[in-house]
Amino acid sequence: MPAVLPLDSLEDLPRTPASDVKKLGWRGVMKTVARHGKVVVTNHNEPEAVILPVDEYDRLLQLLRAAGDKDRTMLDALRRSYDERLARLREPDAGDRLAAIFDTPLDLGGRVIAGEDSR
């Protein structure tokens, strides 16, 4: 399965008016799909539908699912990381550890910390 989803702009797809579906019949429209891979059906020159082969539709669904799975995996990892940090704050000695951090002098080596670098 390719990692990149090639997307044609709606304007770049071949077009057929809805009247052709009636005039040429379904077979005629499907011949256009077979020739071009997909076709935009228009009504009064406005796009109404895109007809594409089942294999292409299935491929698009697989790519979308894979992208969603990747996002879920990353979100789960982030959630676990924050849950681990939060769990440390709930430990019985968390307050004592935090107080010890604030009581420990910070050695900056003569430098001044004035904020985060926004570059």
Protein backbone atom coordinates (compact mmCIF):
# COMPACT_ATOMS: atom_id res chain seq x y z
CA MET A 1 0.00 0.00 0.00
CA PRO A 2 1.53 3.39 -0.99
CA ALA A 3 2.36 5.81 1.80
CA VAL A 4 1.28 8.87 -0.18
CA LEU A 5 -2.25 9.32 -1.41
CA PRO A 6 -2.20 10.91 -4.87
CA LEU A 7 -5.13 13.27 -5.03
CA ASP A 8 -6.50 14.79 -8.18
CA SER A 9 -8.17 18.13 -7.88
CA LEU A 10 -11.89 18.01 -8.62
CA GLU A 11 -11.24 20.48 -11.44
CA ASP A 12 -8.66 18.11 -13.00
CA LEU A 13 -10.99 15.11 -13.20
CA PRO A 14 -12.86 14.29 -16.40
CA ARG A 15 -16.49 15.41 -16.31
CA THR A 16 -19.71 14.09 -17.68
CA PRO A 17 -23.12 15.72 -17.37
CA ALA A 18 -25.82 13.81 -15.53
CA SER A 19 -27.74 13.70 -18.81
CA ASP A 20 -24.99 11.42 -20.20
CA VAL A 21 -25.86 8.85 -17.57
CA LYS A 22 -29.32 8.77 -19.12
CA LYS A 23 -28.18 9.15 -22.73
CA LEU A 24 -25.16 6.81 -22.70
CA GLY A 25 -26.45 4.54 -19.99
CA TRP A 26 -24.51 3.16 -17.10
CA ARG A 27 -22.19 1.19 -19.39
CA GLY A 28 -21.23 4.33 -21.27
CA VAL A 29 -20.38 6.17 -18.08
CA MET A 30 -18.42 3.18 -16.79
CA LYS A 31 -16.40 3.17 -20.03
CA THR A 32 -15.37 6.74 -19.20
CA VAL A 33 -14.44 5.60 -15.68
CA ALA A 34 -12.41 2.72 -17.16
CA ARG A 35 -10.58 5.16 -19.47
CA HIS A 36 -9.88 7.89 -16.91
CA GLY A 37 -10.00 6.11 -13.55
CA LYS A 38 -12.76 8.32 -12.20
CA VAL A 39 -15.28 10.84 -13.46
CA VAL A 40 -17.18 13.80 -12.02
CA VAL A 41 -20.90 13.79 -12.75
CA THR A 42 -22.22 17.33 -13.10
CA ASN A 43 -25.65 18.89 -13.06
CA HIS A 44 -25.83 22.31 -14.73
CA ASN A 45 -22.02 22.34 -14.78
CA GLU A 46 -21.84 21.90 -10.98
CA PRO A 47 -20.16 18.76 -9.57
CA GLU A 48 -22.63 16.39 -7.92
CA ALA A 49 -20.80 13.09 -7.60
CA VAL A 50 -17.54 11.33 -8.34
CA ILE A 51 -17.72 7.82 -9.76
CA LEU A 52 -14.67 5.65 -9.16
CA PRO A 53 -13.91 1.94 -9.35
CA VAL A 54 -14.48 -0.20 -6.27
CA ASP A 55 -10.76 -1.00 -6.04
CA GLU A 56 -9.95 2.71 -5.84
CA TYR A 57 -12.61 3.25 -3.17
CA ASP A 58 -11.22 0.33 -1.13
CA ARG A 59 -7.69 1.73 -1.49
CA LEU A 60 -8.84 5.12 -0.23
CA LEU A 61 -10.52 3.49 2.78
CA GLN A 62 -7.38 1.50 3.60
CA LEU A 63 -5.24 4.65 3.46
CA LEU A 64 -7.67 6.53 5.70
CA ARG A 65 -7.78 3.67 8.21
CA ALA A 66 -3.98 3.43 8.25
CA ALA A 67 -3.70 7.17 8.87
CA GLY A 68 -6.25 6.94 11.68
CA ASP A 69 -4.40 3.99 13.23
CA LYS A 70 -1.15 5.96 13.18
CA ASP A 71 -2.85 8.94 14.86
CA ARG A 72 -4.41 6.66 17.50
CA THR A 73 -1.04 5.03 18.21
CA MET A 74 0.64 8.42 18.67
CA LEU A 75 -2.20 9.68 20.86
CA ASP A 76 -2.08 6.52 23.00
CA ALA A 77 1.67 6.96 23.53
CA LEU A 78 1.18 10.59 24.54
CA ARG A 79 -1.66 9.63 26.89
CA ARG A 80 0.51 6.95 28.55
CA SER A 81 3.32 9.46 29.01
CA TYR A 82 1.04 11.99 30.71
CA ASP A 83 -0.61 9.28 32.82
CA GLU A 84 2.83 8.20 34.08
CA ARG A 85 3.67 11.79 35.02
CA LEU A 86 0.34 12.26 36.73
CA ALA A 87 0.80 8.99 38.65
CA ARG A 88 4.08 10.33 40.08
CA LEU A 89 2.23 13.39 41.39
CA ARG A 90 -0.24 11.11 43.18
CA GLU A 91 2.44 9.16 45.05
CA PRO A 92 2.41 9.72 48.85
CA ASP A 93 5.81 11.47 48.89
CA ALA A 94 5.14 13.69 45.84
CA GLY A 95 4.66 16.82 47.95
CA ASP A 96 7.93 16.24 49.80
CA ARG A 97 9.82 15.66 46.54
CA LEU A 98 8.37 18.85 45.03
CA ALA A 99 9.27 20.86 48.15
CA ALA A 100 12.82 19.47 47.99
CA ILE A 101 13.11 20.62 44.38
CA PHE A 102 12.04 24.13 45.31
CA ASP A 103 14.39 24.17 48.31
CA THR A 104 17.41 23.18 46.20
CA PRO A 105 19.33 26.19 44.87
CA LEU A 106 19.53 26.36 41.11
CA ASP A 107 23.06 26.66 39.76
CA LEU A 108 22.88 28.61 36.51
CA GLY A 109 26.63 28.97 36.14
CA GLY A 110 26.33 32.75 36.04
CA ARG A 111 23.68 32.75 33.32
CA VAL A 112 20.25 34.35 33.54
CA ILE A 113 17.09 32.53 32.51
CA ALA A 114 14.60 35.08 31.16
CA GLY A 115 12.17 32.81 29.32
CA GLU A 116 11.96 30.39 26.45
CA ASP A 117 13.58 31.10 23.13
CA SER A 118 10.74 31.59 20.63
CA ARG A 119 12.92 31.04 17.57
